[in-house]
Amino acid sequence: MHFRSKAPLRLGFAGGGTDVDPYASRFGGAVLNASIDLFAHASIEPLQENAIVLHDLDSKQELRFAWAPQLPTQHALPLHAAVFNRIHAQYGIPLTGFSLITSVDAPIGSGLGTSSTLVVAIISVFAEMLQLPLGEYDIARLAYDIERNDLQFAGGHQDQYAASFGGINFMEFGPGEKVIVNPLRIRHEVLQELEHNLVLYYTGHARQSGRIIEEQQANVRNDAQPSIQAMHHLKQQALHMKEALLKGRLQDMGDLFDIGFTYKKQMANGISNPHIEALYAAAKNAGATGGKISGAGGGGFVFFYCPNNTRHRVTETLNSFGGQVYPFHFCMHGVQSWTI
């Protein structure tokens, strides 16, 4: 038998950064996000030897280990090894050889939650193989623990929960790593129009989000008021955008994205850069009313709200910057797994 899983990537509409400790624990965070039909994929295939093979198709990295209860993580595929280590430590894995194969439909480090979504997919494929009774909250929290505690990777909470739950969610974060996921019931025509009016663009430059997030965390610890006040505004933006979607006020979306773009840049250095500023201005001149840097910033994906059929002019304008527009649809389901 072979075991498979896939988990959806996400667009962070508003509140991104307020899900990162110590801000979330100190002030409480709020994020609005939506999963899309770009996925992280994982497969486990049995081997006729007591070996563990970790294989990432995107980076073309393949590592082979003799079967052991714990694998090293200081190599090119730390996420794969860290999930194996945690699953074996908590649940046990039979002493049989297998190959773990992964891929992601967008570049790692591009701002769509790729790393965390990949961890969710890997956990899910092990859960499928071992028939573990893990629900959405269980998978998301386990993914968070592996990344933030086992591997000490900087980041927030939202990506793991978006990948696990799927759909359009308003998420709240509080002390003690408390997370509440509130699925939003948005009218079909509102959701279709929102999807039609969004243009997702890859700048062509992946980035290392860890440094930006670490600076953001340090700003909160050091009580840097400009950064903290910006996060307060981003949290309010998430609340206003949730209300706009639920009431069908799509005419407000572009302005809310534009406000968020301004405040997000105040959280830490390096979130924007001259290239992003130039394409943002060009997109607005072509008809976009606002946009969003996806993820921590510094590169990767950006997306724009383009009402009244301006998406075509905006797409042509963005293509002149040498990146790539990614077609997408919203994905209303979270991580899925199956056996063949």
C-alpha atoms as a PDB file:
ATOM      1  CA  MET A   1       0.000   0.000   0.000  1.00  0.00           C
ATOM      2  CA  HIS A   2       0.955   3.603  -0.612  1.00  0.00           C
ATOM      3  CA  PHE A   3      -0.196   6.515   1.552  1.00  0.00           C
ATOM      4  CA  ARG A   4      -0.795  10.037   0.308  1.00  0.00           C
ATOM      5  CA  SER A   5      -1.843  13.465   1.574  1.00  0.00           C
ATOM      6  CA  LYS A   6      -2.195  17.031   0.403  1.00  0.00           C
ATOM      7  CA  ALA A   7      -2.697  20.264   2.333  1.00  0.00           C
ATOM      8  CA  PRO A   8      -3.710  23.655   0.878  1.00  0.00           C
ATOM      9  CA  LEU A   9      -1.546  26.757   0.917  1.00  0.00           C
ATOM     10  CA  ARG A  10      -3.087  30.018   2.116  1.00  0.00           C
ATOM     11  CA  LEU A  11      -3.481  33.707   1.420  1.00  0.00           C
ATOM     12  CA  GLY A  12      -3.189  35.828   4.542  1.00  0.00           C
ATOM     13  CA  PHE A  13      -5.726  38.614   4.053  1.00  0.00           C
ATOM     14  CA  ALA A  14      -5.241  40.591   7.255  1.00  0.00           C
ATOM     15  CA  GLY A  15      -3.658  40.506  10.698  1.00  0.00           C
ATOM     16  CA  GLY A  16      -0.532  38.614   9.687  1.00  0.00           C
ATOM     17  CA  GLY A  17       2.207  38.978  12.296  1.00  0.00           C
ATOM     18  CA  THR A  18      -0.211  39.277  15.219  1.00  0.00           C
ATOM     19  CA  ASP A  19      -0.202  35.459  15.398  1.00  0.00           C
ATOM     20  CA  VAL A  20       3.505  35.501  16.308  1.00  0.00           C
ATOM     21  CA  ASP A  21       4.614  35.394  19.942  1.00  0.00           C
ATOM     22  CA  PRO A  22       5.289  37.397  22.032  1.00  0.00           C
ATOM     23  CA  TYR A  23       2.658  39.702  20.488  1.00  0.00           C
ATOM     24  CA  ALA A  24      -0.056  37.013  20.420  1.00  0.00           C
ATOM     25  CA  SER A  25       0.528  36.065  24.066  1.00  0.00           C
ATOM     26  CA  ARG A  26       0.832  39.643  25.292  1.00  0.00           C
ATOM     27  CA  PHE A  27      -1.925  41.393  23.338  1.00  0.00           C
ATOM     28  CA  GLY A  28      -3.904  38.668  21.578  1.00  0.00           C
ATOM     29  CA  GLY A  29      -3.765  38.281  17.820  1.00  0.00           C
ATOM     30  CA  ALA A  30      -6.341  38.020  15.031  1.00  0.00           C
ATOM     31  CA  VAL A  31      -5.834  36.857  11.446  1.00  0.00           C
ATOM     32  CA  LEU A  32      -8.122  36.469   8.440  1.00  0.00           C
ATOM     33  CA  ASN A  33      -6.934  33.991   5.820  1.00  0.00           C
ATOM     34  CA  ALA A  34      -8.146  31.776   2.980  1.00  0.00           C
ATOM     35  CA  SER A  35      -6.810  28.492   1.669  1.00  0.00           C
ATOM     36  CA  ILE A  36      -6.293  28.124  -2.090  1.00  0.00           C
ATOM     37  CA  ASP A  37      -5.926  25.290  -4.574  1.00  0.00           C
ATOM     38  CA  LEU A  38      -2.147  25.156  -4.445  1.00  0.00           C
ATOM     39  CA  PHE A  39      -0.997  22.271  -2.273  1.00  0.00           C
ATOM     40  CA  ALA A  40       1.811  20.616  -0.368  1.00  0.00           C
ATOM     41  CA  HIS A  41       1.903  16.895  -1.208  1.00  0.00           C
ATOM     42  CA  ALA A  42       3.346  13.948   0.712  1.00  0.00           C
ATOM     43  CA  SER A  43       3.538  10.229  -0.054  1.00  0.00           C
ATOM     44  CA  ILE A  44       4.902   7.264   1.879  1.00  0.00           C
ATOM     45  CA  GLU A  45       5.909   4.224  -0.135  1.00  0.00           C
ATOM     46  CA  PRO A  46       7.157   0.971   1.421  1.00  0.00           C
ATOM     47  CA  LEU A  47      10.700  -0.294   0.804  1.00  0.00           C
ATOM     48  CA  GLN A  48      12.010  -3.843   0.857  1.00  0.00           C
ATOM     49  CA  GLU A  49      14.820  -2.834   3.226  1.00  0.00           C
ATOM     50  CA  ASN A  50      15.078  -1.313   6.694  1.00  0.00           C
ATOM     51  CA  ALA A  51      15.964   2.134   5.426  1.00  0.00           C
ATOM     52  CA  ILE A  52      14.352   5.564   5.542  1.00  0.00           C
ATOM     53  CA  VAL A  53      14.562   7.654   2.385  1.00  0.00           C
ATOM     54  CA  LEU A  54      13.582  11.336   2.481  1.00  0.00           C
ATOM     55  CA  HIS A  55      12.983  12.745  -0.991  1.00  0.00           C
ATOM     56  CA  ASP A  56      11.927  16.292  -1.887  1.00  0.00           C
ATOM     57  CA  LEU A  57      10.998  16.520  -5.571  1.00  0.00           C
ATOM     58  CA  ASP A  58      11.227  20.321  -5.788  1.00  0.00           C
ATOM     59  CA  SER A  59      14.771  20.703  -4.512  1.00  0.00           C
ATOM     60  CA  LYS A  60      15.791  17.299  -5.900  1.00  0.00           C
ATOM     61  CA  GLN A  61      17.226  16.446  -2.482  1.00  0.00           C
ATOM     62  CA  GLU A  62      17.255  12.786  -1.476  1.00  0.00           C
ATOM     63  CA  LEU A  63      18.692  11.536   1.814  1.00  0.00           C
ATOM     64  CA  ARG A  64      18.996   7.894   2.872  1.00  0.00           C
ATOM     65  CA  PHE A  65      19.309   6.685   6.470  1.00  0.00           C
ATOM     66  CA  ALA A  66      19.507   3.315   8.145  1.00  0.00           C
ATOM     67  CA  TRP A  67      16.253   2.827  10.068  1.00  0.00           C
ATOM     68  CA  ALA A  68      16.533   4.515  13.478  1.00  0.00           C
ATOM     69  CA  PRO A  69      14.053   5.852  16.034  1.00  0.00           C
ATOM     70  CA  GLN A  70      15.455   9.374  15.642  1.00  0.00           C
ATOM     71  CA  LEU A  71      16.983  10.998  12.576  1.00  0.00           C
ATOM     72  CA  PRO A  72      19.401  13.924  12.457  1.00  0.00           C
ATOM     73  CA  THR A  73      17.880  17.247  11.385  1.00  0.00           C
ATOM     74  CA  GLN A  74      21.026  19.174  10.479  1.00  0.00           C
ATOM     75  CA  HIS A  75      20.720  18.646   6.749  1.00  0.00           C
ATOM     76  CA  ALA A  76      18.749  19.803   3.690  1.00  0.00           C
ATOM     77  CA  LEU A  77      15.429  18.231   4.759  1.00  0.00           C
ATOM     78  CA  PRO A  78      14.962  19.068   8.447  1.00  0.00           C
ATOM     79  CA  LEU A  79      11.144  19.257   8.268  1.00  0.00           C
ATOM     80  CA  HIS A  80      10.857  15.685   6.978  1.00  0.00           C
ATOM     81  CA  ALA A  81      13.167  14.285   9.645  1.00  0.00           C
ATOM     82  CA  ALA A  82      11.633  16.331  12.473  1.00  0.00           C
ATOM     83  CA  VAL A  83       8.113  15.075  11.708  1.00  0.00           C
ATOM     84  CA  PHE A  84       9.354  11.477  11.663  1.00  0.00           C
ATOM     85  CA  ASN A  85      11.139  12.022  14.976  1.00  0.00           C
ATOM     86  CA  ARG A  86       8.075  13.471  16.701  1.00  0.00           C
ATOM     87  CA  ILE A  87       5.614  10.924  15.276  1.00  0.00           C
ATOM     88  CA  HIS A  88       7.842   8.026  16.312  1.00  0.00           C
ATOM     89  CA  ALA A  89       8.432   9.472  19.775  1.00  0.00           C
ATOM     90  CA  GLN A  90       4.709  10.006  20.452  1.00  0.00           C
ATOM     91  CA  TYR A  91       3.051   7.161  18.565  1.00  0.00           C
ATOM     92  CA  GLY A  92       5.696   4.664  17.418  1.00  0.00           C
ATOM     93  CA  ILE A  93       6.395   3.636  13.830  1.00  0.00           C
ATOM     94  CA  PRO A  94       6.821  -0.032  12.810  1.00  0.00           C
ATOM     95  CA  LEU A  95      10.349  -1.121  11.983  1.00  0.00           C
ATOM     96  CA  THR A  96       9.798  -1.180   8.225  1.00  0.00           C
ATOM     97  CA  GLY A  97      11.585   0.688   5.484  1.00  0.00           C
ATOM     98  CA  PHE A  98       9.816   3.470   3.640  1.00  0.00           C
ATOM     99  CA  SER A  99      10.355   6.406   1.330  1.00  0.00           C
ATOM    100  CA  LEU A 100       8.797   9.786   2.193  1.00  0.00           C
ATOM    101  CA  ILE A 101       8.316  11.858  -0.975  1.00  0.00           C
ATOM    102  CA  THR A 102       7.150  15.491  -0.977  1.00  0.00           C
ATOM    103  CA  SER A 103       6.456  18.397  -3.303  1.00  0.00           C
ATOM    104  CA  VAL A 104       4.819  21.816  -3.073  1.00  0.00           C
ATOM    105  CA  ASP A 105       2.930  23.700  -5.794  1.00  0.00           C
ATOM    106  CA  ALA A 106       4.700  26.994  -4.964  1.00  0.00           C
ATOM    107  CA  PRO A 107       8.316  27.823  -4.106  1.00  0.00           C
ATOM    108  CA  ILE A 108       9.368  27.309  -0.487  1.00  0.00           C
ATOM    109  CA  GLY A 109       9.868  30.669   1.220  1.00  0.00           C
ATOM    110  CA  SER A 110       7.399  32.451  -1.047  1.00  0.00           C
ATOM    111  CA  GLY A 111       4.933  33.661   1.576  1.00  0.00           C
ATOM    112  CA  LEU A 112       2.025  31.240   1.149  1.00  0.00           C
ATOM    113  CA  GLY A 113       2.796  29.245   4.278  1.00  0.00           C
ATOM    114  CA  THR A 114       4.665  26.591   2.301  1.00  0.00           C
ATOM    115  CA  SER A 115       6.901  25.205   5.052  1.00  0.00           C
ATOM    116  CA  SER A 116       4.157  24.871   7.648  1.00  0.00           C
ATOM    117  CA  THR A 117       1.742  23.440   5.082  1.00  0.00           C
ATOM    118  CA  LEU A 118       4.344  20.848   4.123  1.00  0.00           C
ATOM    119  CA  VAL A 119       4.694  19.850   7.788  1.00  0.00           C
ATOM    120  CA  VAL A 120       0.900  19.448   8.009  1.00  0.00           C
ATOM    121  CA  ALA A 121       0.910  17.254   4.896  1.00  0.00           C
ATOM    122  CA  ILE A 122       3.728  15.068   6.259  1.00  0.00           C
ATOM    123  CA  ILE A 123       2.001  14.636   9.622  1.00  0.00           C
ATOM    124  CA  SER A 124      -1.199  13.705   7.812  1.00  0.00           C
ATOM    125  CA  VAL A 125       0.434  11.057   5.647  1.00  0.00           C
ATOM    126  CA  PHE A 126       2.001   9.440   8.743  1.00  0.00           C
ATOM    127  CA  ALA A 127      -1.400   9.609  10.456  1.00  0.00           C
ATOM    128  CA  GLU A 128      -2.920   7.859   7.453  1.00  0.00           C
ATOM    129  CA  MET A 129      -0.282   5.131   7.544  1.00  0.00           C
ATOM    130  CA  LEU A 130      -0.577   4.604  11.301  1.00  0.00           C
ATOM    131  CA  GLN A 131      -4.341   5.235  11.489  1.00  0.00           C
ATOM    132  CA  LEU A 132      -3.879   7.929  14.131  1.00  0.00           C
ATOM    133  CA  PRO A 133      -7.077   9.652  15.361  1.00  0.00           C
ATOM    134  CA  LEU A 134      -5.827  13.209  14.813  1.00  0.00           C
ATOM    135  CA  GLY A 135      -8.317  16.023  14.227  1.00  0.00           C
ATOM    136  CA  GLU A 136      -7.692  19.423  12.654  1.00  0.00           C
ATOM    137  CA  TYR A 137      -6.585  21.079  15.894  1.00  0.00           C
ATOM    138  CA  ASP A 138      -4.352  18.090  16.758  1.00  0.00           C
ATOM    139  CA  ILE A 139      -2.527  18.178  13.421  1.00  0.00           C
ATOM    140  CA  ALA A 140      -2.096  21.958  13.447  1.00  0.00           C
ATOM    141  CA  ARG A 141      -0.799  22.075  17.024  1.00  0.00           C
ATOM    142  CA  LEU A 142       1.598  19.198  16.372  1.00  0.00           C
ATOM    143  CA  ALA A 143       2.915  20.963  13.279  1.00  0.00           C
ATOM    144  CA  TYR A 144       3.410  24.149  15.300  1.00  0.00           C
ATOM    145  CA  ASP A 145       5.297  22.276  18.039  1.00  0.00           C
ATOM    146  CA  ILE A 146       7.602  20.607  15.522  1.00  0.00           C
ATOM    147  CA  GLU A 147       8.526  23.844  13.768  1.00  0.00           C
ATOM    148  CA  ARG A 148       8.662  26.261  16.674  1.00  0.00           C
ATOM    149  CA  ASN A 149       9.846  24.013  19.522  1.00  0.00           C
ATOM    150  CA  ASP A 150      11.643  21.003  18.036  1.00  0.00           C
ATOM    151  CA  LEU A 151      13.370  22.896  15.214  1.00  0.00           C
ATOM    152  CA  GLN A 152      13.304  26.386  16.771  1.00  0.00           C
ATOM    153  CA  PHE A 153      12.181  27.962  13.491  1.00  0.00           C
ATOM    154  CA  ALA A 154      10.792  31.480  13.915  1.00  0.00           C
ATOM    155  CA  GLY A 155       7.183  32.029  12.909  1.00  0.00           C
ATOM    156  CA  GLY A 156       3.564  32.241  13.936  1.00  0.00           C
ATOM    157  CA  HIS A 157       0.532  29.996  14.308  1.00  0.00           C
ATOM    158  CA  GLN A 158      -1.756  30.757  11.387  1.00  0.00           C
ATOM    159  CA  ASP A 159      -0.173  28.672   8.604  1.00  0.00           C
ATOM    160  CA  GLN A 160      -0.541  25.326  10.354  1.00  0.00           C
ATOM    161  CA  TYR A 161      -4.208  25.959  11.173  1.00  0.00           C
ATOM    162  CA  ALA A 162      -5.038  27.268   7.697  1.00  0.00           C
ATOM    163  CA  ALA A 163      -3.554  24.133   6.133  1.00  0.00           C
ATOM    164  CA  SER A 164      -5.294  21.821   8.574  1.00  0.00           C
ATOM    165  CA  PHE A 165      -8.774  23.423   8.476  1.00  0.00           C
ATOM    166  CA  GLY A 166      -8.975  24.939   4.992  1.00  0.00           C
ATOM    167  CA  GLY A 167     -11.618  27.431   3.878  1.00  0.00           C
ATOM    168  CA  ILE A 168     -12.003  31.087   4.872  1.00  0.00           C
ATOM    169  CA  ASN A 169     -11.183  31.516   8.560  1.00  0.00           C
ATOM    170  CA  PHE A 170     -10.971  34.235  11.171  1.00  0.00           C
ATOM    171  CA  MET A 171      -8.427  33.010  13.719  1.00  0.00           C
ATOM    172  CA  GLU A 172      -7.848  34.302  17.224  1.00  0.00           C
ATOM    173  CA  PHE A 173      -4.641  33.807  19.204  1.00  0.00           C
ATOM    174  CA  GLY A 174      -4.088  34.310  22.904  1.00  0.00           C
ATOM    175  CA  PRO A 175      -1.923  33.509  25.933  1.00  0.00           C
ATOM    176  CA  GLY A 176      -0.814  29.933  26.457  1.00  0.00           C
ATOM    177  CA  GLU A 177      -0.729  29.396  22.682  1.00  0.00           C
ATOM    178  CA  LYS A 178      -4.530  29.448  22.626  1.00  0.00           C
ATOM    179  CA  VAL A 179      -5.973  29.276  19.108  1.00  0.00           C
ATOM    180  CA  ILE A 180      -9.625  29.521  18.049  1.00  0.00           C
ATOM    181  CA  VAL A 181     -10.506  28.932  14.389  1.00  0.00           C
ATOM    182  CA  ASN A 182     -13.763  30.549  13.281  1.00  0.00           C
ATOM    183  CA  PRO A 183     -14.869  29.401   9.789  1.00  0.00           C
ATOM    184  CA  LEU A 184     -16.715  32.189   7.955  1.00  0.00           C
ATOM    185  CA  ARG A 185     -19.949  31.580   6.073  1.00  0.00           C
ATOM    186  CA  ILE A 186     -19.623  33.960   3.144  1.00  0.00           C
ATOM    187  CA  ARG A 187     -22.335  34.169   0.485  1.00  0.00           C
ATOM    188  CA  HIS A 188     -21.465  32.261  -2.674  1.00  0.00           C
ATOM    189  CA  GLU A 189     -21.656  35.294  -4.967  1.00  0.00           C
ATOM    190  CA  VAL A 190     -19.441  37.324  -2.622  1.00  0.00           C
ATOM    191  CA  LEU A 191     -16.814  34.582  -2.556  1.00  0.00           C
ATOM    192  CA  GLN A 192     -16.897  34.204  -6.338  1.00  0.00           C
ATOM    193  CA  GLU A 193     -16.502  37.951  -6.872  1.00  0.00           C
ATOM    194  CA  LEU A 194     -13.684  38.138  -4.333  1.00  0.00           C
ATOM    195  CA  GLU A 195     -11.861  35.337  -6.130  1.00  0.00           C
ATOM    196  CA  HIS A 196     -12.430  37.029  -9.497  1.00  0.00           C
ATOM    197  CA  ASN A 197     -11.001  40.326  -8.263  1.00  0.00           C
ATOM    198  CA  LEU A 198      -7.779  38.970  -6.729  1.00  0.00           C
ATOM    199  CA  VAL A 199      -4.554  38.685  -8.729  1.00  0.00           C
ATOM    200  CA  LEU A 200      -1.786  36.572  -7.177  1.00  0.00           C
ATOM    201  CA  TYR A 201       1.726  37.409  -8.360  1.00  0.00           C
ATOM    202  CA  TYR A 202       5.069  35.757  -7.639  1.00  0.00           C
ATOM    203  CA  THR A 203       7.913  38.265  -7.662  1.00  0.00           C
ATOM    204  CA  GLY A 204      10.418  35.562  -8.574  1.00  0.00           C
ATOM    205  CA  HIS A 205      12.396  36.113  -5.395  1.00  0.00           C
ATOM    206  CA  ALA A 206      12.032  33.695  -2.483  1.00  0.00           C
ATOM    207  CA  ARG A 207      13.170  35.028   0.880  1.00  0.00           C
ATOM    208  CA  GLN A 208      14.229  33.897   4.316  1.00  0.00           C
ATOM    209  CA  SER A 209      11.341  34.942   6.546  1.00  0.00           C
ATOM    210  CA  GLY A 210      13.125  34.002   9.781  1.00  0.00           C
ATOM    211  CA  ARG A 211      15.194  37.183  10.038  1.00  0.00           C
ATOM    212  CA  ILE A 212      12.182  39.454   9.480  1.00  0.00           C
ATOM    213  CA  ILE A 213      10.091  37.542  12.028  1.00  0.00           C
ATOM    214  CA  GLU A 214      12.903  37.541  14.585  1.00  0.00           C
ATOM    215  CA  GLU A 215      13.208  41.335  14.264  1.00  0.00           C
ATOM    216  CA  GLN A 216       9.447  41.657  14.659  1.00  0.00           C
ATOM    217  CA  GLN A 217       9.592  39.531  17.824  1.00  0.00           C
ATOM    218  CA  ALA A 218      12.467  41.594  19.191  1.00  0.00           C
ATOM    219  CA  ASN A 219      10.522  44.797  18.571  1.00  0.00           C
ATOM    220  CA  VAL A 220       7.694  43.512  20.774  1.00  0.00           C
ATOM    221  CA  ARG A 221      10.063  42.300  23.506  1.00  0.00           C
ATOM    222  CA  ASN A 222      11.831  45.683  23.458  1.00  0.00           C
ATOM    223  CA  ASP A 223       8.503  47.558  23.559  1.00  0.00           C
ATOM    224  CA  ALA A 224       9.213  49.334  20.255  1.00  0.00           C
ATOM    225  CA  GLN A 225       5.969  51.296  20.011  1.00  0.00           C
ATOM    226  CA  PRO A 226       5.913  51.990  16.240  1.00  0.00           C
ATOM    227  CA  SER A 227       6.080  48.254  15.542  1.00  0.00           C
ATOM    228  CA  ILE A 228       3.571  47.349  18.260  1.00  0.00           C
ATOM    229  CA  GLN A 229       1.121  50.051  17.179  1.00  0.00           C
ATOM    230  CA  ALA A 230       1.376  48.793  13.596  1.00  0.00           C
ATOM    231  CA  MET A 231       0.428  45.304  14.796  1.00  0.00           C
ATOM    232  CA  HIS A 232      -2.527  46.731  16.711  1.00  0.00           C
ATOM    233  CA  HIS A 233      -3.733  48.351  13.484  1.00  0.00           C
ATOM    234  CA  LEU A 234      -3.268  45.092  11.547  1.00  0.00           C
ATOM    235  CA  LYS A 235      -5.379  43.269  14.122  1.00  0.00           C
ATOM    236  CA  GLN A 236      -8.120  45.852  13.663  1.00  0.00           C
ATOM    237  CA  GLN A 237      -7.778  45.462   9.906  1.00  0.00           C
ATOM    238  CA  ALA A 238      -8.565  41.746  10.290  1.00  0.00           C
ATOM    239  CA  LEU A 239     -11.741  42.579  12.223  1.00  0.00           C
ATOM    240  CA  HIS A 240     -12.866  45.173   9.671  1.00  0.00           C
ATOM    241  CA  MET A 241     -12.160  42.846   6.758  1.00  0.00           C
ATOM    242  CA  LYS A 242     -14.077  40.005   8.390  1.00  0.00           C
ATOM    243  CA  GLU A 243     -17.075  42.289   8.745  1.00  0.00           C
ATOM    244  CA  ALA A 244     -16.772  43.478   5.136  1.00  0.00           C
ATOM    245  CA  LEU A 245     -16.758  39.911   3.812  1.00  0.00           C
ATOM    246  CA  LEU A 246     -19.652  38.747   5.965  1.00  0.00           C
ATOM    247  CA  LYS A 247     -21.747  41.760   4.915  1.00  0.00           C
ATOM    248  CA  GLY A 248     -20.697  41.530   1.253  1.00  0.00           C
ATOM    249  CA  ARG A 249     -19.031  44.954   1.203  1.00  0.00           C
ATOM    250  CA  LEU A 250     -16.353  44.040  -1.322  1.00  0.00           C
ATOM    251  CA  GLN A 251     -15.932  47.704  -2.260  1.00  0.00           C
ATOM    252  CA  ASP A 252     -14.075  48.068   1.062  1.00  0.00           C
ATOM    253  CA  MET A 253     -11.529  45.322   0.385  1.00  0.00           C
ATOM    254  CA  GLY A 254      -9.016  47.258  -1.690  1.00  0.00           C
ATOM    255  CA  ASP A 255      -8.831  50.136   0.793  1.00  0.00           C
ATOM    256  CA  LEU A 256      -8.407  47.681   3.681  1.00  0.00           C
ATOM    257  CA  PHE A 257      -5.584  45.901   1.846  1.00  0.00           C
ATOM    258  CA  ASP A 258      -3.953  49.267   1.136  1.00  0.00           C
ATOM    259  CA  ILE A 259      -4.109  50.269   4.803  1.00  0.00           C
ATOM    260  CA  GLY A 260      -2.618  46.925   5.792  1.00  0.00           C
ATOM    261  CA  PHE A 261       0.228  47.360   3.301  1.00  0.00           C
ATOM    262  CA  THR A 262       1.192  50.622   5.000  1.00  0.00           C
ATOM    263  CA  TYR A 263       1.124  49.235   8.533  1.00  0.00           C
ATOM    264  CA  LYS A 264       2.790  45.919   7.705  1.00  0.00           C
ATOM    265  CA  LYS A 265       5.931  47.729   6.565  1.00  0.00           C
ATOM    266  CA  GLN A 266       6.238  49.290  10.028  1.00  0.00           C
ATOM    267  CA  MET A 267       6.576  45.955  11.861  1.00  0.00           C
ATOM    268  CA  ALA A 268      10.197  45.294  10.855  1.00  0.00           C
ATOM    269  CA  ASN A 269      12.847  46.225   8.325  1.00  0.00           C
ATOM    270  CA  GLY A 270      12.989  44.428   5.001  1.00  0.00           C
ATOM    271  CA  ILE A 271       9.274  43.659   4.660  1.00  0.00           C
ATOM    272  CA  SER A 272       9.136  45.769   1.527  1.00  0.00           C
ATOM    273  CA  ASN A 273      11.864  46.836  -0.899  1.00  0.00           C
ATOM    274  CA  PRO A 274      12.192  49.063  -3.992  1.00  0.00           C
ATOM    275  CA  HIS A 275      11.089  46.258  -6.344  1.00  0.00           C
ATOM    276  CA  ILE A 276       7.912  45.567  -4.359  1.00  0.00           C
ATOM    277  CA  GLU A 277       7.193  49.303  -4.027  1.00  0.00           C
ATOM    278  CA  ALA A 278       7.544  49.765  -7.785  1.00  0.00           C
ATOM    279  CA  LEU A 279       5.248  46.902  -8.744  1.00  0.00           C
ATOM    280  CA  TYR A 280       2.734  47.922  -6.059  1.00  0.00           C
ATOM    281  CA  ALA A 281       2.556  51.439  -7.477  1.00  0.00           C
ATOM    282  CA  ALA A 282       2.276  50.102 -11.019  1.00  0.00           C
ATOM    283  CA  ALA A 283      -0.544  47.731 -10.052  1.00  0.00           C
ATOM    284  CA  LYS A 284      -2.483  50.601  -8.463  1.00  0.00           C
ATOM    285  CA  ASN A 285      -1.962  52.766 -11.532  1.00  0.00           C
ATOM    286  CA  ALA A 286      -3.401  49.899 -13.600  1.00  0.00           C
ATOM    287  CA  GLY A 287      -6.573  49.765 -11.496  1.00  0.00           C
ATOM    288  CA  ALA A 288      -5.851  47.791  -8.314  1.00  0.00           C
ATOM    289  CA  THR A 289      -7.236  49.512  -5.228  1.00  0.00           C
ATOM    290  CA  GLY A 290      -4.913  47.790  -2.763  1.00  0.00           C
ATOM    291  CA  GLY A 291      -2.586  44.867  -2.272  1.00  0.00           C
ATOM    292  CA  LYS A 292      -0.903  42.641   0.237  1.00  0.00           C
ATOM    293  CA  ILE A 293       2.605  41.285   0.702  1.00  0.00           C
ATOM    294  CA  SER A 294       2.056  37.612   1.453  1.00  0.00           C
ATOM    295  CA  GLY A 295       3.754  36.118   4.482  1.00  0.00           C
ATOM    296  CA  ALA A 296       6.607  37.834   6.292  1.00  0.00           C
ATOM    297  CA  GLY A 297       7.545  39.940   3.266  1.00  0.00           C
ATOM    298  CA  GLY A 298      10.815  40.718   1.556  1.00  0.00           C
ATOM    299  CA  GLY A 299       9.823  38.949  -1.654  1.00  0.00           C
ATOM    300  CA  GLY A 300       7.785  35.921  -2.587  1.00  0.00           C
ATOM    301  CA  PHE A 301       4.105  36.448  -3.444  1.00  0.00           C
ATOM    302  CA  VAL A 302       2.035  39.598  -3.418  1.00  0.00           C
ATOM    303  CA  PHE A 303      -1.617  39.862  -4.366  1.00  0.00           C
ATOM    304  CA  PHE A 304      -3.882  42.716  -5.415  1.00  0.00           C
ATOM    305  CA  TYR A 305      -7.581  43.547  -5.269  1.00  0.00           C
ATOM    306  CA  CYS A 306      -8.685  44.524  -8.784  1.00  0.00           C
ATOM    307  CA  PRO A 307     -12.359  45.532  -9.040  1.00  0.00           C
ATOM    308  CA  ASN A 308     -14.420  46.243 -12.177  1.00  0.00           C
ATOM    309  CA  ASN A 309     -12.499  43.889 -14.473  1.00  0.00           C
ATOM    310  CA  THR A 310      -9.214  45.729 -13.914  1.00  0.00           C
ATOM    311  CA  ARG A 311      -7.541  42.359 -13.221  1.00  0.00           C
ATOM    312  CA  HIS A 312      -6.565  42.077 -16.910  1.00  0.00           C
ATOM    313  CA  ARG A 313      -4.728  45.418 -17.008  1.00  0.00           C
ATOM    314  CA  VAL A 314      -3.116  44.679 -13.655  1.00  0.00           C
ATOM    315  CA  THR A 315      -1.977  41.252 -14.875  1.00  0.00           C
ATOM    316  CA  GLU A 316      -0.380  42.757 -17.986  1.00  0.00           C
ATOM    317  CA  THR A 317       1.368  45.368 -15.861  1.00  0.00           C
ATOM    318  CA  LEU A 318       2.704  42.838 -13.357  1.00  0.00           C
ATOM    319  CA  ASN A 319       3.976  40.549 -16.113  1.00  0.00           C
ATOM    320  CA  SER A 320       6.231  43.380 -17.288  1.00  0.00           C
ATOM    321  CA  PHE A 321       8.157  43.077 -14.002  1.00  0.00           C
ATOM    322  CA  GLY A 322       9.419  39.599 -14.894  1.00  0.00           C
ATOM    323  CA  GLY A 323       7.533  37.576 -12.301  1.00  0.00           C
ATOM    324  CA  GLN A 324       4.560  35.261 -12.735  1.00  0.00           C
ATOM    325  CA  VAL A 325       0.829  35.564 -12.150  1.00  0.00           C
ATOM    326  CA  TYR A 326      -0.557  32.388 -10.540  1.00  0.00           C
ATOM    327  CA  PRO A 327      -4.185  31.477 -11.315  1.00  0.00           C
ATOM    328  CA  PHE A 328      -5.957  30.094  -8.242  1.00  0.00           C
ATOM    329  CA  HIS A 329      -9.312  29.253  -6.702  1.00  0.00           C
ATOM    330  CA  PHE A 330     -10.307  29.167  -3.065  1.00  0.00           C
ATOM    331  CA  CYS A 331     -10.093  25.725  -1.465  1.00  0.00           C
ATOM    332  CA  MET A 332     -12.814  24.979   1.064  1.00  0.00           C
ATOM    333  CA  HIS A 333     -11.266  21.819   2.531  1.00  0.00           C
ATOM    334  CA  GLY A 334      -8.221  21.340   4.695  1.00  0.00           C
ATOM    335  CA  VAL A 335      -5.608  18.594   4.662  1.00  0.00           C
ATOM    336  CA  GLN A 336      -6.722  15.298   3.142  1.00  0.00           C
ATOM    337  CA  SER A 337      -5.128  11.837   3.174  1.00  0.00           C
ATOM    338  CA  TRP A 338      -5.854   8.505   1.536  1.00  0.00           C
ATOM    339  CA  THR A 339      -4.477   4.993   0.954  1.00  0.00           C
ATOM    340  CA  ILE A 340      -3.996   3.218  -2.373  1.00  0.00           C
END
